[in-house]
Amino acid sequence: MEKEHRNLFRKVNGQERRVGQIVGGRDGNLFLRPAEQMAGDPLELLTVDDVTSYTSNGEAPLTVYRKSKLDDALLPNNEKIYLHRIYLKLAKPMGEGQTAVITFPGVNLHTGSAIYTHDTKTSWSEAIHASHLGYRPDDPLKRAHLSLWLGSGGAYTYPPEIAKTFEVLNKKNGKVAFTGPIALTLAADGVEKMKNEKNYSSTAVYTLDFSKLSEPGEYVVRVPGVGVSSPFKIDEESWT
């Protein structure tokens, strides 16, 4: 069977739409592999960047930033799926343990509200980057990084009271296994050493060095006021 004849189409409102692919045939049996379908509606981009589309404990945020990136594609029609991250700048910082009810009156989400508790001891943060592979106890360098690019909000430089110290927590019991200083590696307007062209992260990058930690275990890196990294292990078998 010719390749161009292996697709099954259906006309919808006068337009052809691929509904699947015909597979098999060598043994005389043919099967239909249905096209992947998207669930829900695409995000409404006309309102998603508007501050009036959100409230936090009844108050509108000062600013809304959005970071959108291609996340997947449906087969075989190649319809694009995007991942959107929304950042709300509030009138004042939330304190540790404080709770906010976030509502989305102007955004076509499947739910109208969400409850957020500012718990930086357990909440994962996309801004803290640690190796998922882990480290051997004798690895000479064990480092994580702190950086956040806000999409439409551009570069973000952490205030001095945040970019001060970090902790490495034992994931099992939450105890602090290591504490160290946060060092600015590359300013938002800096130039990288390798290519000497620009800052390819497009934001400030900080180094969190815990090379002296060699005790085997499972850990997370925590930046007080920000959150924690994904978990990783320090183990003799990490590199195998």
C-alpha atoms as a PDB file:
ATOM      1  CA  MET A   1       0.000   0.000   0.000  1.00  0.00           C
ATOM      2  CA  GLU A   2       1.408   3.392  -0.977  1.00  0.00           C
ATOM      3  CA  LYS A   3       2.342   5.647   1.923  1.00  0.00           C
ATOM      4  CA  GLU A   4       0.024   8.428   0.751  1.00  0.00           C
ATOM      5  CA  HIS A   5      -2.908   5.995   0.838  1.00  0.00           C
ATOM      6  CA  ARG A   6      -2.349   4.974   4.472  1.00  0.00           C
ATOM      7  CA  ASN A   7      -4.161   7.998   5.941  1.00  0.00           C
ATOM      8  CA  LEU A   8      -7.913   8.080   6.538  1.00  0.00           C
ATOM      9  CA  PHE A   9      -9.627  11.456   6.101  1.00  0.00           C
ATOM     10  CA  ARG A  10     -13.092  12.761   6.893  1.00  0.00           C
ATOM     11  CA  LYS A  11     -14.694  15.963   5.700  1.00  0.00           C
ATOM     12  CA  VAL A  12     -15.879  18.251   8.515  1.00  0.00           C
ATOM     13  CA  ASN A  13     -17.613  21.495   7.506  1.00  0.00           C
ATOM     14  CA  GLY A  14     -16.114  21.189   4.062  1.00  0.00           C
ATOM     15  CA  GLN A  15     -12.584  20.689   5.340  1.00  0.00           C
ATOM     16  CA  GLU A  16     -10.608  17.486   5.235  1.00  0.00           C
ATOM     17  CA  ARG A  17      -9.362  16.235   8.591  1.00  0.00           C
ATOM     18  CA  ARG A  18      -7.141  13.268   9.152  1.00  0.00           C
ATOM     19  CA  VAL A  19      -8.853  10.876  11.561  1.00  0.00           C
ATOM     20  CA  GLY A  20      -6.176   8.217  11.673  1.00  0.00           C
ATOM     21  CA  GLN A  21      -3.729   5.991   9.868  1.00  0.00           C
ATOM     22  CA  ILE A  22      -4.213   2.563   8.332  1.00  0.00           C
ATOM     23  CA  VAL A  23      -1.468   0.285   9.659  1.00  0.00           C
ATOM     24  CA  GLY A  24      -0.508  -3.306   8.948  1.00  0.00           C
ATOM     25  CA  GLY A  25      -1.183  -5.010   5.644  1.00  0.00           C
ATOM     26  CA  ARG A  26       1.724  -7.386   5.260  1.00  0.00           C
ATOM     27  CA  ASP A  27      -0.315 -10.270   6.669  1.00  0.00           C
ATOM     28  CA  GLY A  28      -3.523  -9.086   5.047  1.00  0.00           C
ATOM     29  CA  ASN A  29      -4.887  -7.501   8.242  1.00  0.00           C
ATOM     30  CA  LEU A  30      -5.407  -3.752   8.404  1.00  0.00           C
ATOM     31  CA  PHE A  31      -6.023  -1.671  11.512  1.00  0.00           C
ATOM     32  CA  LEU A  32      -6.987   1.919  12.127  1.00  0.00           C
ATOM     33  CA  ARG A  33      -4.732   3.866  14.458  1.00  0.00           C
ATOM     34  CA  PRO A  34      -6.935   6.820  15.509  1.00  0.00           C
ATOM     35  CA  ALA A  35      -5.437  10.288  15.492  1.00  0.00           C
ATOM     36  CA  GLU A  36      -4.604  11.744  18.901  1.00  0.00           C
ATOM     37  CA  GLN A  37      -7.217  14.177  20.150  1.00  0.00           C
ATOM     38  CA  MET A  38      -6.735  17.284  22.265  1.00  0.00           C
ATOM     39  CA  ALA A  39      -8.830  17.513  25.417  1.00  0.00           C
ATOM     40  CA  GLY A  40     -10.250  20.883  26.363  1.00  0.00           C
ATOM     41  CA  ASP A  41      -9.878  24.225  24.613  1.00  0.00           C
ATOM     42  CA  PRO A  42      -6.693  26.161  23.836  1.00  0.00           C
ATOM     43  CA  LEU A  43      -5.810  28.858  26.360  1.00  0.00           C
ATOM     44  CA  GLU A  44      -7.572  32.153  25.602  1.00  0.00           C
ATOM     45  CA  LEU A  45      -4.632  34.431  24.817  1.00  0.00           C
ATOM     46  CA  LEU A  46      -6.776  37.573  24.548  1.00  0.00           C
ATOM     47  CA  THR A  47      -7.321  37.705  28.307  1.00  0.00           C
ATOM     48  CA  VAL A  48      -4.591  35.584  29.888  1.00  0.00           C
ATOM     49  CA  ASP A  49      -2.112  38.509  30.108  1.00  0.00           C
ATOM     50  CA  ASP A  50      -4.631  40.945  31.632  1.00  0.00           C
ATOM     51  CA  VAL A  51      -4.311  41.741  35.358  1.00  0.00           C
ATOM     52  CA  THR A  52      -8.123  41.882  35.628  1.00  0.00           C
ATOM     53  CA  SER A  53      -8.250  38.184  34.743  1.00  0.00           C
ATOM     54  CA  TYR A  54      -6.908  37.221  38.190  1.00  0.00           C
ATOM     55  CA  THR A  55      -7.357  37.938  41.868  1.00  0.00           C
ATOM     56  CA  SER A  56      -5.338  36.949  44.926  1.00  0.00           C
ATOM     57  CA  ASN A  57      -7.428  37.056  48.089  1.00  0.00           C
ATOM     58  CA  GLY A  58      -9.795  39.384  46.249  1.00  0.00           C
ATOM     59  CA  GLU A  59      -7.154  41.790  44.912  1.00  0.00           C
ATOM     60  CA  ALA A  60      -5.871  42.062  41.354  1.00  0.00           C
ATOM     61  CA  PRO A  61      -2.116  41.521  40.864  1.00  0.00           C
ATOM     62  CA  LEU A  62       0.124  44.414  39.869  1.00  0.00           C
ATOM     63  CA  THR A  63       1.481  42.652  36.792  1.00  0.00           C
ATOM     64  CA  VAL A  64       1.032  39.402  34.852  1.00  0.00           C
ATOM     65  CA  TYR A  65       3.866  37.690  32.987  1.00  0.00           C
ATOM     66  CA  ARG A  66       3.602  34.625  30.753  1.00  0.00           C
ATOM     67  CA  LYS A  67       6.107  32.077  29.492  1.00  0.00           C
ATOM     68  CA  SER A  68       4.844  29.793  26.704  1.00  0.00           C
ATOM     69  CA  LYS A  69       6.721  26.999  24.988  1.00  0.00           C
ATOM     70  CA  LEU A  70       5.995  24.124  22.634  1.00  0.00           C
ATOM     71  CA  ASP A  71       5.431  21.029  24.752  1.00  0.00           C
ATOM     72  CA  ASP A  72       4.135  18.323  22.409  1.00  0.00           C
ATOM     73  CA  ALA A  73       2.398  17.635  19.095  1.00  0.00           C
ATOM     74  CA  LEU A  74      -0.579  15.428  18.311  1.00  0.00           C
ATOM     75  CA  LEU A  75      -0.056  12.602  15.827  1.00  0.00           C
ATOM     76  CA  PRO A  76      -0.580  12.389  12.952  1.00  0.00           C
ATOM     77  CA  ASN A  77      -2.111  15.863  12.447  1.00  0.00           C
ATOM     78  CA  ASN A  78       0.843  17.612  14.124  1.00  0.00           C
ATOM     79  CA  GLU A  79      -1.365  19.955  16.141  1.00  0.00           C
ATOM     80  CA  LYS A  80       0.827  21.817  18.603  1.00  0.00           C
ATOM     81  CA  ILE A  81       0.412  21.636  22.378  1.00  0.00           C
ATOM     82  CA  TYR A  82       1.865  24.482  24.426  1.00  0.00           C
ATOM     83  CA  LEU A  83       2.830  24.697  28.079  1.00  0.00           C
ATOM     84  CA  HIS A  84       2.041  28.070  29.643  1.00  0.00           C
ATOM     85  CA  ARG A  85       3.462  29.364  32.923  1.00  0.00           C
ATOM     86  CA  ILE A  86       1.751  32.393  34.438  1.00  0.00           C
ATOM     87  CA  TYR A  87       3.507  34.661  36.940  1.00  0.00           C
ATOM     88  CA  LEU A  88       1.544  37.087  39.127  1.00  0.00           C
ATOM     89  CA  LYS A  89       3.327  39.983  40.796  1.00  0.00           C
ATOM     90  CA  LEU A  90       1.417  40.806  43.969  1.00  0.00           C
ATOM     91  CA  ALA A  91       1.279  44.111  45.821  1.00  0.00           C
ATOM     92  CA  LYS A  92       3.328  42.663  48.680  1.00  0.00           C
ATOM     93  CA  PRO A  93       5.330  39.456  49.245  1.00  0.00           C
ATOM     94  CA  MET A  94       3.630  36.472  50.836  1.00  0.00           C
ATOM     95  CA  GLY A  95       4.985  35.327  54.175  1.00  0.00           C
ATOM     96  CA  GLU A  96       6.038  31.763  54.897  1.00  0.00           C
ATOM     97  CA  GLY A  97       2.939  29.640  55.495  1.00  0.00           C
ATOM     98  CA  GLN A  98       0.545  32.318  54.236  1.00  0.00           C
ATOM     99  CA  THR A  99      -2.348  31.116  52.065  1.00  0.00           C
ATOM    100  CA  ALA A 100      -3.935  32.855  49.098  1.00  0.00           C
ATOM    101  CA  VAL A 101      -7.053  32.021  47.111  1.00  0.00           C
ATOM    102  CA  ILE A 102      -6.234  32.652  43.441  1.00  0.00           C
ATOM    103  CA  THR A 103      -9.190  33.102  41.090  1.00  0.00           C
ATOM    104  CA  PHE A 104      -9.175  33.263  37.283  1.00  0.00           C
ATOM    105  CA  PRO A 105     -12.371  35.101  36.242  1.00  0.00           C
ATOM    106  CA  GLY A 106     -10.948  36.089  32.865  1.00  0.00           C
ATOM    107  CA  VAL A 107      -9.204  32.854  31.868  1.00  0.00           C
ATOM    108  CA  ASN A 108     -10.893  29.805  30.332  1.00  0.00           C
ATOM    109  CA  LEU A 109      -9.454  27.253  32.761  1.00  0.00           C
ATOM    110  CA  HIS A 110     -11.321  24.105  33.811  1.00  0.00           C
ATOM    111  CA  THR A 111     -11.468  25.377  37.390  1.00  0.00           C
ATOM    112  CA  GLY A 112     -12.322  28.826  38.693  1.00  0.00           C
ATOM    113  CA  SER A 113      -9.887  29.038  41.586  1.00  0.00           C
ATOM    114  CA  ALA A 114      -6.921  27.460  43.348  1.00  0.00           C
ATOM    115  CA  ILE A 115      -5.552  27.647  46.880  1.00  0.00           C
ATOM    116  CA  TYR A 116      -1.837  28.405  47.183  1.00  0.00           C
ATOM    117  CA  THR A 117       0.144  28.105  50.421  1.00  0.00           C
ATOM    118  CA  HIS A 118       3.558  29.742  50.425  1.00  0.00           C
ATOM    119  CA  ASP A 119       5.577  26.871  51.897  1.00  0.00           C
ATOM    120  CA  THR A 120       9.155  27.143  50.634  1.00  0.00           C
ATOM    121  CA  LYS A 121      10.281  24.160  52.718  1.00  0.00           C
ATOM    122  CA  THR A 122       8.387  21.625  50.599  1.00  0.00           C
ATOM    123  CA  SER A 123       7.059  23.395  47.476  1.00  0.00           C
ATOM    124  CA  TRP A 124       8.922  22.621  44.238  1.00  0.00           C
ATOM    125  CA  SER A 125      10.308  25.626  42.376  1.00  0.00           C
ATOM    126  CA  GLU A 126      11.241  25.694  38.689  1.00  0.00           C
ATOM    127  CA  ALA A 127      13.939  28.251  39.574  1.00  0.00           C
ATOM    128  CA  ILE A 128      16.158  25.789  41.479  1.00  0.00           C
ATOM    129  CA  HIS A 129      18.055  23.493  39.130  1.00  0.00           C
ATOM    130  CA  ALA A 130      19.845  20.391  40.476  1.00  0.00           C
ATOM    131  CA  SER A 131      21.100  17.333  38.612  1.00  0.00           C
ATOM    132  CA  HIS A 132      18.484  14.577  38.426  1.00  0.00           C
ATOM    133  CA  LEU A 133      21.301  12.061  37.974  1.00  0.00           C
ATOM    134  CA  GLY A 134      22.667  12.808  41.393  1.00  0.00           C
ATOM    135  CA  TYR A 135      26.269  12.739  42.574  1.00  0.00           C
ATOM    136  CA  ARG A 136      28.857  10.344  43.936  1.00  0.00           C
ATOM    137  CA  PRO A 137      30.051  11.127  47.480  1.00  0.00           C
ATOM    138  CA  ASP A 138      33.575  11.785  46.132  1.00  0.00           C
ATOM    139  CA  ASP A 139      32.521  13.997  43.203  1.00  0.00           C
ATOM    140  CA  PRO A 140      34.729  17.102  43.456  1.00  0.00           C
ATOM    141  CA  LEU A 141      31.910  19.437  42.370  1.00  0.00           C
ATOM    142  CA  LYS A 142      28.307  19.271  43.534  1.00  0.00           C
ATOM    143  CA  ARG A 143      26.368  22.315  42.418  1.00  0.00           C
ATOM    144  CA  ALA A 144      22.858  23.531  41.821  1.00  0.00           C
ATOM    145  CA  HIS A 145      21.780  26.783  40.209  1.00  0.00           C
ATOM    146  CA  LEU A 146      19.152  29.405  40.864  1.00  0.00           C
ATOM    147  CA  SER A 147      17.695  31.235  37.861  1.00  0.00           C
ATOM    148  CA  LEU A 148      14.324  32.305  36.537  1.00  0.00           C
ATOM    149  CA  TRP A 149      13.340  33.790  33.190  1.00  0.00           C
ATOM    150  CA  LEU A 150       9.859  35.289  33.243  1.00  0.00           C
ATOM    151  CA  GLY A 151       9.017  35.112  29.550  1.00  0.00           C
ATOM    152  CA  SER A 152       7.181  38.358  28.789  1.00  0.00           C
ATOM    153  CA  GLY A 153       8.642  39.701  32.057  1.00  0.00           C
ATOM    154  CA  GLY A 154      12.207  39.088  30.891  1.00  0.00           C
ATOM    155  CA  ALA A 155      15.140  38.628  33.250  1.00  0.00           C
ATOM    156  CA  TYR A 156      14.744  38.325  36.999  1.00  0.00           C
ATOM    157  CA  THR A 157      17.408  39.267  39.532  1.00  0.00           C
ATOM    158  CA  TYR A 158      16.736  38.053  43.065  1.00  0.00           C
ATOM    159  CA  PRO A 159      16.864  40.648  45.859  1.00  0.00           C
ATOM    160  CA  PRO A 160      19.864  40.415  48.242  1.00  0.00           C
ATOM    161  CA  GLU A 161      17.760  39.051  51.096  1.00  0.00           C
ATOM    162  CA  ILE A 162      16.800  36.041  48.933  1.00  0.00           C
ATOM    163  CA  ALA A 163      20.096  35.492  47.076  1.00  0.00           C
ATOM    164  CA  LYS A 164      21.954  35.079  50.347  1.00  0.00           C
ATOM    165  CA  THR A 165      22.126  31.488  51.594  1.00  0.00           C
ATOM    166  CA  PHE A 166      20.757  28.097  50.573  1.00  0.00           C
ATOM    167  CA  GLU A 167      20.209  24.763  52.309  1.00  0.00           C
ATOM    168  CA  VAL A 168      20.423  21.119  51.308  1.00  0.00           C
ATOM    169  CA  LEU A 169      17.680  19.177  53.072  1.00  0.00           C
ATOM    170  CA  ASN A 170      17.475  15.469  53.760  1.00  0.00           C
ATOM    171  CA  LYS A 171      14.336  14.502  51.850  1.00  0.00           C
ATOM    172  CA  LYS A 172      13.422  11.757  54.307  1.00  0.00           C
ATOM    173  CA  ASN A 173      13.376  13.791  57.521  1.00  0.00           C
ATOM    174  CA  GLY A 174      13.606  17.403  56.307  1.00  0.00           C
ATOM    175  CA  LYS A 175      16.718  18.125  58.373  1.00  0.00           C
ATOM    176  CA  VAL A 176      19.339  20.570  57.097  1.00  0.00           C
ATOM    177  CA  ALA A 177      22.399  18.647  55.891  1.00  0.00           C
ATOM    178  CA  PHE A 178      24.325  21.592  54.461  1.00  0.00           C
ATOM    179  CA  THR A 179      24.158  25.384  54.370  1.00  0.00           C
ATOM    180  CA  GLY A 180      26.147  27.615  52.039  1.00  0.00           C
ATOM    181  CA  PRO A 181      26.258  31.048  50.404  1.00  0.00           C
ATOM    182  CA  ILE A 182      24.527  31.851  47.115  1.00  0.00           C
ATOM    183  CA  ALA A 183      26.967  33.319  44.579  1.00  0.00           C
ATOM    184  CA  LEU A 184      26.000  35.358  41.509  1.00  0.00           C
ATOM    185  CA  THR A 185      27.639  33.545  38.584  1.00  0.00           C
ATOM    186  CA  LEU A 186      26.270  35.589  35.702  1.00  0.00           C
ATOM    187  CA  ALA A 187      24.404  38.886  35.826  1.00  0.00           C
ATOM    188  CA  ALA A 188      21.326  39.299  33.644  1.00  0.00           C
ATOM    189  CA  ASP A 189      23.254  41.691  31.381  1.00  0.00           C
ATOM    190  CA  GLY A 190      26.480  39.656  31.567  1.00  0.00           C
ATOM    191  CA  VAL A 191      28.341  37.672  28.920  1.00  0.00           C
ATOM    192  CA  GLU A 192      29.045  33.927  29.131  1.00  0.00           C
ATOM    193  CA  LYS A 193      32.685  32.832  29.201  1.00  0.00           C
ATOM    194  CA  MET A 194      32.423  30.067  26.600  1.00  0.00           C
ATOM    195  CA  LYS A 195      31.184  32.011  23.552  1.00  0.00           C
ATOM    196  CA  ASN A 196      31.654  35.588  24.784  1.00  0.00           C
ATOM    197  CA  GLU A 197      28.514  36.694  22.972  1.00  0.00           C
ATOM    198  CA  LYS A 198      25.707  37.097  25.467  1.00  0.00           C
ATOM    199  CA  ASN A 199      23.897  35.559  28.431  1.00  0.00           C
ATOM    200  CA  TYR A 200      22.068  32.626  26.825  1.00  0.00           C
ATOM    201  CA  SER A 201      19.945  32.141  29.960  1.00  0.00           C
ATOM    202  CA  SER A 202      18.611  35.706  29.469  1.00  0.00           C
ATOM    203  CA  THR A 203      18.465  36.135  33.239  1.00  0.00           C
ATOM    204  CA  ALA A 204      20.654  36.246  36.353  1.00  0.00           C
ATOM    205  CA  VAL A 205      22.246  32.890  37.242  1.00  0.00           C
ATOM    206  CA  TYR A 206      23.404  31.988  40.760  1.00  0.00           C
ATOM    207  CA  THR A 207      25.571  29.056  41.891  1.00  0.00           C
ATOM    208  CA  LEU A 208      24.761  26.959  44.960  1.00  0.00           C
ATOM    209  CA  ASP A 209      27.878  24.928  45.773  1.00  0.00           C
ATOM    210  CA  PHE A 210      27.566  21.986  48.186  1.00  0.00           C
ATOM    211  CA  SER A 211      30.689  20.081  47.119  1.00  0.00           C
ATOM    212  CA  LYS A 212      31.627  19.385  50.739  1.00  0.00           C
ATOM    213  CA  LEU A 213      28.453  17.338  51.314  1.00  0.00           C
ATOM    214  CA  SER A 214      29.411  13.663  50.901  1.00  0.00           C
ATOM    215  CA  GLU A 215      26.968  11.807  53.155  1.00  0.00           C
ATOM    216  CA  PRO A 216      24.926   9.347  51.026  1.00  0.00           C
ATOM    217  CA  GLY A 217      21.206  10.004  50.940  1.00  0.00           C
ATOM    218  CA  GLU A 218      18.366  11.635  49.033  1.00  0.00           C
ATOM    219  CA  TYR A 219      18.231  15.410  49.156  1.00  0.00           C
ATOM    220  CA  VAL A 220      16.613  18.576  47.840  1.00  0.00           C
ATOM    221  CA  VAL A 221      18.173  22.017  47.541  1.00  0.00           C
ATOM    222  CA  ARG A 222      16.171  24.761  49.233  1.00  0.00           C
ATOM    223  CA  VAL A 223      16.378  28.506  48.818  1.00  0.00           C
ATOM    224  CA  PRO A 224      14.441  30.141  51.685  1.00  0.00           C
ATOM    225  CA  GLY A 225      11.675  32.306  50.280  1.00  0.00           C
ATOM    226  CA  VAL A 226      11.725  30.477  46.916  1.00  0.00           C
ATOM    227  CA  GLY A 227      11.218  26.708  47.325  1.00  0.00           C
ATOM    228  CA  VAL A 228      13.014  23.419  46.744  1.00  0.00           C
ATOM    229  CA  SER A 229      14.550  21.564  43.802  1.00  0.00           C
ATOM    230  CA  SER A 230      13.565  18.190  42.437  1.00  0.00           C
ATOM    231  CA  PRO A 231      15.054  15.397  44.606  1.00  0.00           C
ATOM    232  CA  PHE A 232      18.429  13.832  43.836  1.00  0.00           C
ATOM    233  CA  LYS A 233      20.712  11.258  45.442  1.00  0.00           C
ATOM    234  CA  ILE A 234      24.276  11.262  46.663  1.00  0.00           C
ATOM    235  CA  ASP A 235      25.217   7.643  46.151  1.00  0.00           C
ATOM    236  CA  GLU A 236      28.124   5.466  45.015  1.00  0.00           C
ATOM    237  CA  GLU A 237      25.987   4.177  42.136  1.00  0.00           C
ATOM    238  CA  SER A 238      24.765   7.558  40.862  1.00  0.00           C
ATOM    239  CA  TRP A 239      26.866   7.503  37.710  1.00  0.00           C
ATOM    240  CA  THR A 240      26.150   3.857  36.860  1.00  0.00           C
END
